[in-house]
Amino acid sequence: MAAPNVWLIWRLGVFLAALAPLVFWGWQVAINAAGPEPGKYLLLNIGIGGLWMLLLTLSLTPLTKLTRWKGFALIRRQLGLWTLAYATLHMLCYALFILELDWALLGSELTKRPYIIVGMLALIGLAVLGATSNRWAMRRLGKRWKPLHKFSYVILGLVLLHFFWVVRADMQEWVTYAALAGLVMATRLPPVARTLPKLRYRLSRT
């Protein structure tokens, strides 16, 4: 069993790893290496970063079943909150660099770009999950907590739909993320989920 300070180092390492892309993208903007439209550079990269965070968060449960390593379960809430942070920053980049805080444009933007509505629904869903990811909420919600947090699967679908609308001129990248999402979701299927402990046992004997 790992000592408490080992888990603290693990959590700190995950925190720094999640923060690193934001620091890098900010540095690229600061040194004028983000292209002619740094606002759009941040908007796109932070959005993709949020998708990565969501996929990583959803992969922790099958990884825990496959390895029985406690460390994956320990960072589930941490990565979930990072997913919310990335999604919020993505929205703020849109408000700052696309709308330029001119909220009168929002109505026409929603009409021309319905994927914004899909993205907002995903953000609201993440905010709800983030607000109920603590022990107090778990006690209050009781048996309703797990069904509520399975809404993360719907959020993943919304994020992929949002991304599909954004990059539909070049589908190769979207197909890659959709395939990864399909793989992560496949591990949730009961037949696959039941085989993960068996696979762990087989791997441990090789």
N, C-alpha and C. Protein backbone atom coordinates (compact mmCIF):
# COMPACT_ATOMS: atom_id res chain seq x y z
N MET A 1 0.84 -1.20 0.00
CA MET A 1 0.00 0.00 0.00
C MET A 1 0.87 1.24 0.00
N ALA A 2 0.58 2.18 -0.86
CA ALA A 2 1.41 3.37 -0.99
C ALA A 2 1.21 4.31 0.19
N ALA A 3 2.27 4.98 0.58
CA ALA A 3 2.18 5.95 1.67
C ALA A 3 1.42 7.18 1.20
N PRO A 4 0.80 7.92 2.16
CA PRO A 4 0.03 9.11 1.79
C PRO A 4 0.81 10.12 0.97
N ASN A 5 2.11 10.31 1.28
CA ASN A 5 2.89 11.29 0.53
C ASN A 5 3.10 10.88 -0.92
N VAL A 6 3.04 9.56 -1.20
CA VAL A 6 3.14 9.08 -2.57
C VAL A 6 1.90 9.51 -3.35
N TRP A 7 0.73 9.39 -2.72
CA TRP A 7 -0.50 9.81 -3.40
C TRP A 7 -0.52 11.32 -3.59
N LEU A 8 0.04 12.06 -2.64
CA LEU A 8 0.12 13.52 -2.78
C LEU A 8 0.99 13.88 -3.98
N ILE A 9 2.13 13.20 -4.12
CA ILE A 9 3.02 13.45 -5.26
C ILE A 9 2.31 13.10 -6.56
N TRP A 10 1.57 11.99 -6.56
CA TRP A 10 0.82 11.56 -7.74
C TRP A 10 -0.21 12.62 -8.15
N ARG A 11 -0.98 13.11 -7.16
CA ARG A 11 -1.98 14.14 -7.45
C ARG A 11 -1.32 15.42 -7.96
N LEU A 12 -0.20 15.79 -7.35
CA LEU A 12 0.52 16.99 -7.78
C LEU A 12 1.03 16.82 -9.20
N GLY A 13 1.55 15.63 -9.52
CA GLY A 13 2.02 15.37 -10.88
C GLY A 13 0.90 15.49 -11.90
N VAL A 14 -0.27 14.97 -11.55
CA VAL A 14 -1.43 15.07 -12.45
C VAL A 14 -1.85 16.53 -12.61
N PHE A 15 -1.83 17.28 -11.52
CA PHE A 15 -2.17 18.70 -11.58
C PHE A 15 -1.24 19.44 -12.53
N LEU A 16 0.07 19.22 -12.39
CA LEU A 16 1.05 19.90 -13.24
C LEU A 16 0.91 19.47 -14.70
N ALA A 17 0.62 18.18 -14.92
CA ALA A 17 0.45 17.69 -16.28
C ALA A 17 -0.77 18.32 -16.94
N ALA A 18 -1.85 18.51 -16.17
CA ALA A 18 -3.06 19.13 -16.71
C ALA A 18 -2.87 20.62 -16.95
N LEU A 19 -2.05 21.25 -16.13
CA LEU A 19 -1.79 22.68 -16.27
C LEU A 19 -0.82 22.99 -17.41
N ALA A 20 0.10 22.07 -17.68
CA ALA A 20 1.18 22.31 -18.64
C ALA A 20 0.70 22.78 -20.01
N PRO A 21 -0.33 22.14 -20.62
CA PRO A 21 -0.76 22.62 -21.94
C PRO A 21 -1.23 24.07 -21.93
N LEU A 22 -1.93 24.47 -20.88
CA LEU A 22 -2.41 25.85 -20.79
C LEU A 22 -1.24 26.83 -20.72
N VAL A 23 -0.21 26.45 -19.94
CA VAL A 23 0.98 27.30 -19.84
C VAL A 23 1.67 27.39 -21.19
N PHE A 24 1.78 26.25 -21.89
CA PHE A 24 2.45 26.23 -23.19
C PHE A 24 1.70 27.10 -24.20
N TRP A 25 0.37 26.94 -24.27
CA TRP A 25 -0.39 27.74 -25.23
C TRP A 25 -0.33 29.23 -24.90
N GLY A 26 -0.37 29.55 -23.62
CA GLY A 26 -0.23 30.95 -23.23
C GLY A 26 1.13 31.51 -23.60
N TRP A 27 2.17 30.69 -23.42
CA TRP A 27 3.53 31.11 -23.80
C TRP A 27 3.64 31.33 -25.29
N GLN A 28 3.02 30.45 -26.09
CA GLN A 28 3.04 30.60 -27.53
C GLN A 28 2.41 31.94 -27.95
N VAL A 29 1.33 32.30 -27.31
CA VAL A 29 0.69 33.58 -27.60
C VAL A 29 1.60 34.73 -27.18
N ALA A 30 2.23 34.60 -26.01
CA ALA A 30 3.07 35.67 -25.49
C ALA A 30 4.27 35.96 -26.38
N ILE A 31 4.81 34.93 -27.04
CA ILE A 31 6.01 35.13 -27.89
C ILE A 31 5.63 35.26 -29.37
N ASN A 32 4.34 35.47 -29.63
CA ASN A 32 3.84 35.66 -31.00
C ASN A 32 4.10 34.45 -31.90
N ALA A 33 3.99 33.26 -31.31
CA ALA A 33 4.20 32.03 -32.07
C ALA A 33 2.89 31.26 -32.27
N ALA A 34 1.76 31.94 -32.06
CA ALA A 34 0.46 31.27 -32.14
C ALA A 34 -0.26 31.57 -33.44
N GLY A 35 0.45 32.12 -34.42
CA GLY A 35 -0.19 32.41 -35.70
C GLY A 35 -0.83 33.77 -35.74
N PRO A 36 -1.48 34.10 -36.85
CA PRO A 36 -2.05 35.45 -37.02
C PRO A 36 -3.28 35.71 -36.15
N GLU A 37 -3.93 34.64 -35.65
CA GLU A 37 -5.13 34.80 -34.82
C GLU A 37 -4.95 34.05 -33.50
N PRO A 38 -4.23 34.64 -32.56
CA PRO A 38 -3.95 33.94 -31.30
C PRO A 38 -5.20 33.60 -30.51
N GLY A 39 -6.24 34.43 -30.64
CA GLY A 39 -7.48 34.13 -29.94
C GLY A 39 -8.10 32.83 -30.40
N LYS A 40 -8.15 32.64 -31.71
CA LYS A 40 -8.69 31.39 -32.27
C LYS A 40 -7.78 30.21 -31.95
N TYR A 41 -6.47 30.47 -31.90
CA TYR A 41 -5.51 29.43 -31.52
C TYR A 41 -5.83 28.91 -30.12
N LEU A 42 -6.05 29.84 -29.18
CA LEU A 42 -6.39 29.43 -27.82
C LEU A 42 -7.75 28.75 -27.78
N LEU A 43 -8.71 29.30 -28.49
CA LEU A 43 -10.06 28.74 -28.50
C LEU A 43 -10.04 27.27 -28.95
N LEU A 44 -9.37 26.99 -30.06
CA LEU A 44 -9.35 25.64 -30.60
C LEU A 44 -8.56 24.68 -29.72
N ASN A 45 -7.37 25.10 -29.30
CA ASN A 45 -6.52 24.19 -28.53
C ASN A 45 -7.10 23.90 -27.15
N ILE A 46 -7.66 24.90 -26.50
CA ILE A 46 -8.26 24.65 -25.18
C ILE A 46 -9.49 23.76 -25.32
N GLY A 47 -10.25 23.95 -26.41
CA GLY A 47 -11.40 23.08 -26.64
C GLY A 47 -10.99 21.63 -26.82
N ILE A 48 -9.96 21.40 -27.64
CA ILE A 48 -9.47 20.03 -27.84
C ILE A 48 -8.89 19.48 -26.53
N GLY A 49 -8.22 20.36 -25.78
CA GLY A 49 -7.71 19.94 -24.47
C GLY A 49 -8.82 19.48 -23.55
N GLY A 50 -9.96 20.17 -23.60
CA GLY A 50 -11.10 19.77 -22.79
C GLY A 50 -11.63 18.41 -23.19
N LEU A 51 -11.64 18.13 -24.50
CA LEU A 51 -12.07 16.81 -24.98
C LEU A 51 -11.12 15.73 -24.49
N TRP A 52 -9.81 16.00 -24.53
CA TRP A 52 -8.84 15.05 -24.01
C TRP A 52 -9.06 14.79 -22.53
N MET A 53 -9.32 15.85 -21.76
CA MET A 53 -9.55 15.69 -20.32
C MET A 53 -10.78 14.83 -20.06
N LEU A 54 -11.82 15.03 -20.85
CA LEU A 54 -13.04 14.24 -20.68
C LEU A 54 -12.78 12.77 -21.01
N LEU A 55 -12.06 12.51 -22.10
CA LEU A 55 -11.75 11.13 -22.46
C LEU A 55 -10.88 10.46 -21.39
N LEU A 56 -9.91 11.19 -20.87
CA LEU A 56 -9.05 10.64 -19.82
C LEU A 56 -9.86 10.35 -18.56
N THR A 57 -10.76 11.26 -18.21
CA THR A 57 -11.59 11.05 -17.02
C THR A 57 -12.44 9.79 -17.16
N LEU A 58 -13.05 9.61 -18.32
CA LEU A 58 -13.91 8.45 -18.54
C LEU A 58 -13.11 7.15 -18.66
N SER A 59 -11.83 7.26 -18.96
CA SER A 59 -11.00 6.06 -19.08
C SER A 59 -10.51 5.56 -17.72
N LEU A 60 -10.67 6.34 -16.67
CA LEU A 60 -10.13 5.96 -15.37
C LEU A 60 -10.82 4.74 -14.77
N THR A 61 -12.14 4.64 -14.95
CA THR A 61 -12.86 3.49 -14.39
C THR A 61 -12.41 2.17 -15.02
N PRO A 62 -12.37 2.05 -16.36
CA PRO A 62 -11.86 0.79 -16.92
C PRO A 62 -10.40 0.53 -16.59
N LEU A 63 -9.59 1.58 -16.48
CA LEU A 63 -8.19 1.39 -16.10
C LEU A 63 -8.07 0.85 -14.67
N THR A 64 -8.95 1.33 -13.79
CA THR A 64 -8.96 0.83 -12.41
C THR A 64 -9.35 -0.64 -12.38
N LYS A 65 -10.36 -1.01 -13.16
CA LYS A 65 -10.78 -2.42 -13.21
C LYS A 65 -9.69 -3.30 -13.81
N LEU A 66 -8.99 -2.76 -14.79
CA LEU A 66 -7.97 -3.55 -15.47
C LEU A 66 -6.72 -3.74 -14.61
N THR A 67 -6.35 -2.72 -13.84
CA THR A 67 -5.09 -2.77 -13.09
C THR A 67 -5.27 -2.91 -11.57
N ARG A 68 -6.47 -2.56 -11.08
CA ARG A 68 -6.74 -2.51 -9.63
C ARG A 68 -5.81 -1.53 -8.91
N TRP A 69 -5.29 -0.55 -9.65
CA TRP A 69 -4.42 0.45 -9.02
C TRP A 69 -5.26 1.60 -8.49
N LYS A 70 -5.11 1.90 -7.23
CA LYS A 70 -5.92 2.91 -6.56
C LYS A 70 -5.68 4.30 -7.12
N GLY A 71 -4.51 4.53 -7.68
CA GLY A 71 -4.16 5.87 -8.15
C GLY A 71 -5.10 6.41 -9.20
N PHE A 72 -5.64 5.55 -10.07
CA PHE A 72 -6.57 6.03 -11.09
C PHE A 72 -7.86 6.55 -10.47
N ALA A 73 -8.37 5.83 -9.49
CA ALA A 73 -9.60 6.25 -8.82
C ALA A 73 -9.40 7.56 -8.05
N LEU A 74 -8.19 7.75 -7.52
CA LEU A 74 -7.91 8.94 -6.71
C LEU A 74 -7.96 10.24 -7.50
N ILE A 75 -7.71 10.16 -8.80
CA ILE A 75 -7.66 11.40 -9.60
C ILE A 75 -8.91 11.60 -10.46
N ARG A 76 -9.94 10.76 -10.26
CA ARG A 76 -11.13 10.87 -11.09
C ARG A 76 -11.79 12.24 -10.93
N ARG A 77 -12.00 12.65 -9.69
CA ARG A 77 -12.64 13.96 -9.46
C ARG A 77 -11.73 15.09 -9.94
N GLN A 78 -10.42 14.94 -9.71
CA GLN A 78 -9.46 15.96 -10.12
C GLN A 78 -9.51 16.19 -11.63
N LEU A 79 -9.49 15.11 -12.40
CA LEU A 79 -9.54 15.26 -13.86
C LEU A 79 -10.91 15.75 -14.31
N GLY A 80 -11.96 15.33 -13.60
CA GLY A 80 -13.28 15.84 -13.94
C GLY A 80 -13.37 17.34 -13.78
N LEU A 81 -12.79 17.86 -12.71
CA LEU A 81 -12.79 19.31 -12.50
C LEU A 81 -11.89 20.02 -13.52
N TRP A 82 -10.81 19.37 -13.92
CA TRP A 82 -9.97 19.94 -14.98
C TRP A 82 -10.74 20.00 -16.30
N THR A 83 -11.57 18.99 -16.55
CA THR A 83 -12.41 19.01 -17.75
C THR A 83 -13.32 20.22 -17.73
N LEU A 84 -13.95 20.47 -16.58
CA LEU A 84 -14.81 21.64 -16.42
C LEU A 84 -14.01 22.93 -16.59
N ALA A 85 -12.80 22.98 -16.04
CA ALA A 85 -11.97 24.18 -16.16
C ALA A 85 -11.62 24.46 -17.62
N TYR A 86 -11.23 23.44 -18.36
CA TYR A 86 -10.91 23.61 -19.78
C TYR A 86 -12.13 24.08 -20.56
N ALA A 87 -13.29 23.47 -20.27
CA ALA A 87 -14.52 23.85 -20.99
C ALA A 87 -14.89 25.29 -20.68
N THR A 88 -14.72 25.70 -19.44
CA THR A 88 -15.02 27.08 -19.06
C THR A 88 -14.08 28.06 -19.75
N LEU A 89 -12.79 27.72 -19.79
CA LEU A 89 -11.82 28.58 -20.48
C LEU A 89 -12.12 28.64 -21.98
N HIS A 90 -12.55 27.54 -22.53
CA HIS A 90 -12.94 27.51 -23.95
C HIS A 90 -14.08 28.49 -24.21
N MET A 91 -15.07 28.48 -23.33
CA MET A 91 -16.20 29.39 -23.46
C MET A 91 -15.76 30.84 -23.29
N LEU A 92 -14.85 31.09 -22.34
CA LEU A 92 -14.36 32.45 -22.11
C LEU A 92 -13.57 32.95 -23.32
N CYS A 93 -12.80 32.07 -23.95
CA CYS A 93 -12.08 32.46 -25.17
C CYS A 93 -13.06 32.85 -26.27
N TYR A 94 -14.15 32.13 -26.39
CA TYR A 94 -15.17 32.47 -27.38
C TYR A 94 -15.77 33.85 -27.08
N ALA A 95 -16.08 34.09 -25.80
CA ALA A 95 -16.67 35.38 -25.43
C ALA A 95 -15.70 36.53 -25.66
N LEU A 96 -14.41 36.30 -25.38
CA LEU A 96 -13.42 37.37 -25.48
C LEU A 96 -12.96 37.62 -26.92
N PHE A 97 -12.67 36.54 -27.63
CA PHE A 97 -12.00 36.69 -28.93
C PHE A 97 -12.93 36.61 -30.13
N ILE A 98 -14.09 36.00 -29.97
CA ILE A 98 -15.04 35.91 -31.08
C ILE A 98 -16.14 36.95 -30.91
N LEU A 99 -16.79 36.93 -29.74
CA LEU A 99 -17.83 37.93 -29.49
C LEU A 99 -17.24 39.28 -29.13
N GLU A 100 -16.01 39.28 -28.61
CA GLU A 100 -15.37 40.50 -28.08
C GLU A 100 -16.27 41.15 -27.03
N LEU A 101 -16.93 40.28 -26.25
CA LEU A 101 -17.83 40.69 -25.16
C LEU A 101 -19.02 41.52 -25.64
N ASP A 102 -19.31 41.45 -26.93
CA ASP A 102 -20.49 42.13 -27.49
C ASP A 102 -21.64 41.12 -27.47
N TRP A 103 -22.40 41.11 -26.39
CA TRP A 103 -23.43 40.10 -26.21
C TRP A 103 -24.59 40.26 -27.19
N ALA A 104 -24.68 41.42 -27.83
CA ALA A 104 -25.72 41.61 -28.85
C ALA A 104 -25.51 40.69 -30.05
N LEU A 105 -24.25 40.24 -30.25
CA LEU A 105 -23.94 39.34 -31.36
C LEU A 105 -24.34 37.91 -31.08
N LEU A 106 -24.60 37.61 -29.83
CA LEU A 106 -24.82 36.22 -29.45
C LEU A 106 -26.02 35.61 -30.16
N GLY A 107 -27.11 36.39 -30.29
CA GLY A 107 -28.30 35.88 -30.94
C GLY A 107 -28.05 35.44 -32.37
N SER A 108 -27.36 36.29 -33.14
CA SER A 108 -27.06 35.93 -34.54
C SER A 108 -26.05 34.79 -34.61
N GLU A 109 -25.13 34.73 -33.65
CA GLU A 109 -24.16 33.64 -33.63
C GLU A 109 -24.85 32.29 -33.38
N LEU A 110 -25.83 32.29 -32.49
CA LEU A 110 -26.55 31.05 -32.20
C LEU A 110 -27.35 30.58 -33.41
N THR A 111 -27.87 31.55 -34.19
CA THR A 111 -28.63 31.20 -35.39
C THR A 111 -27.71 30.63 -36.47
N LYS A 112 -26.55 31.25 -36.65
CA LYS A 112 -25.62 30.82 -37.69
C LYS A 112 -24.82 29.59 -37.28
N ARG A 113 -24.57 29.44 -36.00
CA ARG A 113 -23.70 28.38 -35.51
C ARG A 113 -24.38 27.62 -34.36
N PRO A 114 -25.30 26.72 -34.69
CA PRO A 114 -26.02 26.00 -33.62
C PRO A 114 -25.12 25.13 -32.76
N TYR A 115 -23.89 24.85 -33.22
CA TYR A 115 -22.99 24.06 -32.39
C TYR A 115 -22.63 24.78 -31.09
N ILE A 116 -22.82 26.10 -31.06
CA ILE A 116 -22.57 26.84 -29.82
C ILE A 116 -23.57 26.41 -28.75
N ILE A 117 -24.83 26.19 -29.16
CA ILE A 117 -25.85 25.73 -28.21
C ILE A 117 -25.47 24.37 -27.65
N VAL A 118 -25.00 23.47 -28.54
CA VAL A 118 -24.58 22.14 -28.11
C VAL A 118 -23.42 22.24 -27.12
N GLY A 119 -22.47 23.12 -27.42
CA GLY A 119 -21.34 23.32 -26.52
C GLY A 119 -21.76 23.86 -25.17
N MET A 120 -22.73 24.78 -25.17
CA MET A 120 -23.22 25.34 -23.91
C MET A 120 -23.93 24.28 -23.08
N LEU A 121 -24.69 23.42 -23.75
CA LEU A 121 -25.36 22.33 -23.02
C LEU A 121 -24.33 21.40 -22.36
N ALA A 122 -23.25 21.11 -23.09
CA ALA A 122 -22.19 20.28 -22.53
C ALA A 122 -21.54 20.97 -21.34
N LEU A 123 -21.31 22.28 -21.44
CA LEU A 123 -20.70 23.03 -20.34
C LEU A 123 -21.60 23.04 -19.11
N ILE A 124 -22.89 23.24 -19.32
CA ILE A 124 -23.84 23.22 -18.20
C ILE A 124 -23.83 21.84 -17.53
N GLY A 125 -23.82 20.79 -18.36
CA GLY A 125 -23.76 19.44 -17.81
C GLY A 125 -22.50 19.22 -16.98
N LEU A 126 -21.36 19.67 -17.49
CA LEU A 126 -20.10 19.54 -16.74
C LEU A 126 -20.15 20.32 -15.43
N ALA A 127 -20.78 21.51 -15.46
CA ALA A 127 -20.89 22.31 -14.25
C ALA A 127 -21.73 21.59 -13.19
N VAL A 128 -22.81 20.94 -13.62
CA VAL A 128 -23.64 20.18 -12.69
C VAL A 128 -22.85 19.02 -12.09
N LEU A 129 -22.13 18.30 -12.92
CA LEU A 129 -21.33 17.17 -12.43
C LEU A 129 -20.22 17.66 -11.51
N GLY A 130 -19.60 18.79 -11.86
CA GLY A 130 -18.56 19.34 -11.00
C GLY A 130 -19.09 19.76 -9.65
N ALA A 131 -20.28 20.35 -9.63
CA ALA A 131 -20.88 20.82 -8.38
C ALA A 131 -21.33 19.67 -7.49
N THR A 132 -21.56 18.50 -8.08
CA THR A 132 -22.04 17.35 -7.30
C THR A 132 -20.98 16.25 -7.17
N SER A 133 -19.72 16.62 -7.38
CA SER A 133 -18.66 15.61 -7.32
C SER A 133 -18.04 15.48 -5.93
N ASN A 134 -18.58 16.21 -4.95
CA ASN A 134 -18.03 16.17 -3.60
C ASN A 134 -18.81 15.18 -2.72
N ARG A 135 -18.25 14.87 -1.56
CA ARG A 135 -18.86 13.88 -0.67
C ARG A 135 -20.21 14.34 -0.13
N TRP A 136 -20.35 15.64 0.12
CA TRP A 136 -21.62 16.15 0.61
C TRP A 136 -22.73 15.86 -0.39
N ALA A 137 -22.46 16.14 -1.67
CA ALA A 137 -23.46 15.89 -2.72
C ALA A 137 -23.75 14.40 -2.86
N MET A 138 -22.72 13.58 -2.71
CA MET A 138 -22.92 12.13 -2.79
C MET A 138 -23.86 11.65 -1.69
N ARG A 139 -23.67 12.19 -0.48
CA ARG A 139 -24.56 11.80 0.62
C ARG A 139 -25.98 12.30 0.39
N ARG A 140 -26.11 13.53 -0.08
CA ARG A 140 -27.44 14.10 -0.30
C ARG A 140 -28.20 13.39 -1.42
N LEU A 141 -27.49 13.06 -2.49
CA LEU A 141 -28.15 12.44 -3.63
C LEU A 141 -28.37 10.94 -3.45
N GLY A 142 -27.52 10.30 -2.64
CA GLY A 142 -27.68 8.88 -2.39
C GLY A 142 -27.60 8.05 -3.66
N LYS A 143 -28.63 7.21 -3.87
CA LYS A 143 -28.64 6.32 -5.04
C LYS A 143 -28.77 7.08 -6.35
N ARG A 144 -29.19 8.34 -6.28
CA ARG A 144 -29.35 9.12 -7.52
C ARG A 144 -28.02 9.65 -8.04
N TRP A 145 -26.96 9.56 -7.23
CA TRP A 145 -25.69 10.17 -7.62
C TRP A 145 -25.08 9.47 -8.85
N LYS A 146 -25.02 8.14 -8.83
CA LYS A 146 -24.41 7.42 -9.95
C LYS A 146 -25.17 7.63 -11.26
N PRO A 147 -26.51 7.51 -11.27
CA PRO A 147 -27.23 7.79 -12.52
C PRO A 147 -27.00 9.21 -13.03
N LEU A 148 -26.91 10.17 -12.11
CA LEU A 148 -26.65 11.55 -12.52
C LEU A 148 -25.29 11.65 -13.20
N HIS A 149 -24.29 11.03 -12.64
CA HIS A 149 -22.94 11.16 -13.18
C HIS A 149 -22.72 10.31 -14.44
N LYS A 150 -23.65 9.43 -14.72
CA LYS A 150 -23.59 8.75 -16.02
C LYS A 150 -23.99 9.69 -17.15
N PHE A 151 -24.49 10.85 -16.80
CA PHE A 151 -24.77 11.87 -17.81
C PHE A 151 -23.48 12.30 -18.51
N SER A 152 -22.32 11.96 -17.93
CA SER A 152 -21.04 12.28 -18.58
C SER A 152 -20.95 11.61 -19.95
N TYR A 153 -21.65 10.49 -20.14
CA TYR A 153 -21.65 9.83 -21.44
C TYR A 153 -22.37 10.70 -22.47
N VAL A 154 -23.49 11.30 -22.04
CA VAL A 154 -24.23 12.21 -22.92
C VAL A 154 -23.39 13.44 -23.23
N ILE A 155 -22.68 13.93 -22.22
CA ILE A 155 -21.82 15.10 -22.42
C ILE A 155 -20.74 14.79 -23.46
N LEU A 156 -20.17 13.60 -23.40
CA LEU A 156 -19.17 13.21 -24.40
C LEU A 156 -19.78 13.26 -25.80
N GLY A 157 -20.99 12.77 -25.95
CA GLY A 157 -21.67 12.84 -27.24
C GLY A 157 -21.89 14.27 -27.70
N LEU A 158 -22.28 15.14 -26.78
CA LEU A 158 -22.49 16.55 -27.11
C LEU A 158 -21.18 17.21 -27.54
N VAL A 159 -20.10 16.91 -26.83
CA VAL A 159 -18.80 17.49 -27.17
C VAL A 159 -18.35 17.03 -28.56
N LEU A 160 -18.55 15.76 -28.85
CA LEU A 160 -18.17 15.25 -30.17
C LEU A 160 -19.02 15.88 -31.27
N LEU A 161 -20.31 16.08 -30.99
CA LEU A 161 -21.18 16.75 -31.97
C LEU A 161 -20.74 18.19 -32.18
N HIS A 162 -20.41 18.88 -31.10
CA HIS A 162 -19.90 20.25 -31.17
C HIS A 162 -18.64 20.31 -32.02
N PHE A 163 -17.72 19.38 -31.76
CA PHE A 163 -16.45 19.35 -32.48
C PHE A 163 -16.67 18.98 -33.95
N PHE A 164 -17.63 18.09 -34.21
CA PHE A 164 -17.95 17.69 -35.59
C PHE A 164 -18.36 18.90 -36.41
N TRP A 165 -19.21 19.75 -35.85
CA TRP A 165 -19.66 20.94 -36.57
C TRP A 165 -18.51 21.91 -36.83
N VAL A 166 -17.57 21.97 -35.89
CA VAL A 166 -16.47 22.92 -36.02
C VAL A 166 -15.49 22.49 -37.10
N VAL A 167 -15.18 21.19 -37.17
CA VAL A 167 -14.10 20.72 -38.06
C VAL A 167 -14.61 19.87 -39.21
N ARG A 168 -15.88 19.99 -39.60
CA ARG A 168 -16.44 19.08 -40.59
C ARG A 168 -15.78 19.21 -41.97
N ALA A 169 -15.03 20.29 -42.21
CA ALA A 169 -14.30 20.40 -43.47
C ALA A 169 -13.12 19.44 -43.51
N ASP A 170 -12.62 19.02 -42.36
CA ASP A 170 -11.51 18.08 -42.27
C ASP A 170 -11.86 17.05 -41.21
N MET A 171 -12.39 15.91 -41.65
CA MET A 171 -12.97 14.95 -40.73
C MET A 171 -11.96 13.99 -40.10
N GLN A 172 -10.72 13.99 -40.58
CA GLN A 172 -9.76 13.00 -40.10
C GLN A 172 -9.54 13.12 -38.59
N GLU A 173 -9.37 14.33 -38.11
CA GLU A 173 -9.13 14.52 -36.68
C GLU A 173 -10.35 14.12 -35.88
N TRP A 174 -11.53 14.50 -36.36
CA TRP A 174 -12.76 14.16 -35.63
C TRP A 174 -12.94 12.65 -35.55
N VAL A 175 -12.67 11.94 -36.63
CA VAL A 175 -12.82 10.49 -36.64
C VAL A 175 -11.89 9.85 -35.61
N THR A 176 -10.70 10.40 -35.47
CA THR A 176 -9.75 9.87 -34.48
C THR A 176 -10.32 9.99 -33.07
N TYR A 177 -10.84 11.18 -32.74
CA TYR A 177 -11.41 11.36 -31.40
C TYR A 177 -12.67 10.54 -31.21
N ALA A 178 -13.49 10.42 -32.25
CA ALA A 178 -14.70 9.62 -32.15
C ALA A 178 -14.35 8.15 -31.91
N ALA A 179 -13.29 7.67 -32.57
CA ALA A 179 -12.85 6.29 -32.37
C ALA A 179 -12.36 6.07 -30.94
N LEU A 180 -11.60 7.03 -30.42
CA LEU A 180 -11.15 6.93 -29.03
C LEU A 180 -12.33 6.92 -28.07
N ALA A 181 -13.30 7.80 -28.33
CA ALA A 181 -14.50 7.85 -27.49
C ALA A 181 -15.27 6.54 -27.56
N GLY A 182 -15.37 5.97 -28.78
CA GLY A 182 -16.05 4.69 -28.93
C GLY A 182 -15.36 3.59 -28.15
N LEU A 183 -14.02 3.61 -28.15
CA LEU A 183 -13.26 2.61 -27.41
C LEU A 183 -13.50 2.75 -25.90
N VAL A 184 -13.46 4.00 -25.42
CA VAL A 184 -13.69 4.24 -23.99
C VAL A 184 -15.10 3.80 -23.59
N MET A 185 -16.08 4.14 -24.41
CA MET A 185 -17.46 3.77 -24.10
C MET A 185 -17.68 2.27 -24.20
N ALA A 186 -16.96 1.61 -25.10
CA ALA A 186 -17.10 0.16 -25.24
C ALA A 186 -16.71 -0.56 -23.97
N THR A 187 -15.76 0.00 -23.21
CA THR A 187 -15.36 -0.63 -21.95
C THR A 187 -16.45 -0.55 -20.90
N ARG A 188 -17.48 0.30 -21.14
CA ARG A 188 -18.61 0.39 -20.21
C ARG A 188 -19.66 -0.70 -20.46
N LEU A 189 -19.61 -1.33 -21.63
CA LEU A 189 -20.59 -2.37 -21.94
C LEU A 189 -20.40 -3.54 -20.98
N PRO A 190 -21.48 -4.06 -20.40
CA PRO A 190 -21.35 -5.13 -19.39
C PRO A 190 -20.46 -6.30 -19.80
N PRO A 191 -20.60 -6.84 -21.02
CA PRO A 191 -19.72 -7.97 -21.38
C PRO A 191 -18.24 -7.60 -21.35
N VAL A 192 -17.92 -6.39 -21.83
CA VAL A 192 -16.52 -5.94 -21.84
C VAL A 192 -16.06 -5.64 -20.43
N ALA A 193 -16.88 -4.95 -19.65
CA ALA A 193 -16.51 -4.61 -18.27
C ALA A 193 -16.23 -5.85 -17.44
N ARG A 194 -16.98 -6.93 -17.70
CA ARG A 194 -16.76 -8.18 -16.93
C ARG A 194 -15.46 -8.87 -17.32
N THR A 195 -15.01 -8.63 -18.55
CA THR A 195 -13.77 -9.30 -18.99
C THR A 195 -12.51 -8.58 -18.52
N LEU A 196 -12.62 -7.31 -18.10
CA LEU A 196 -11.43 -6.56 -17.71
C LEU A 196 -10.70 -7.21 -16.53
N PRO A 197 -11.40 -7.60 -15.45
CA PRO A 197 -10.66 -8.28 -14.36
C PRO A 197 -10.02 -9.58 -14.82
N LYS A 198 -10.70 -10.32 -15.71
CA LYS A 198 -10.13 -11.57 -16.23
C LYS A 198 -8.88 -11.29 -17.06
N LEU A 199 -8.94 -10.21 -17.84
CA LEU A 199 -7.77 -9.83 -18.63
C LEU A 199 -6.61 -9.45 -17.73
N ARG A 200 -6.91 -8.74 -16.63
CA ARG A 200 -5.86 -8.38 -15.68
C ARG A 200 -5.20 -9.64 -15.12
N TYR A 201 -6.01 -10.62 -14.79
CA TYR A 201 -5.48 -11.88 -14.24
C TYR A 201 -4.58 -12.57 -15.25
N ARG A 202 -5.00 -12.59 -16.52
CA ARG A 202 -4.19 -13.25 -17.56
C ARG A 202 -2.87 -12.51 -17.76
N LEU A 203 -2.94 -11.18 -17.75
CA LEU A 203 -1.71 -10.40 -17.93
C LEU A 203 -0.75 -10.59 -16.76
N SER A 204 -1.29 -10.74 -15.56
CA SER A 204 -0.44 -10.89 -14.39
C SER A 204 0.30 -12.23 -14.38
N ARG A 205 -0.23 -13.20 -15.15
CA ARG A 205 0.38 -14.53 -15.18
C ARG A 205 1.36 -14.70 -16.33
N THR A 206 1.45 -13.69 -17.19
CA THR A 206 2.39 -13.78 -18.31
C THR A 206 3.75 -13.24 -17.95
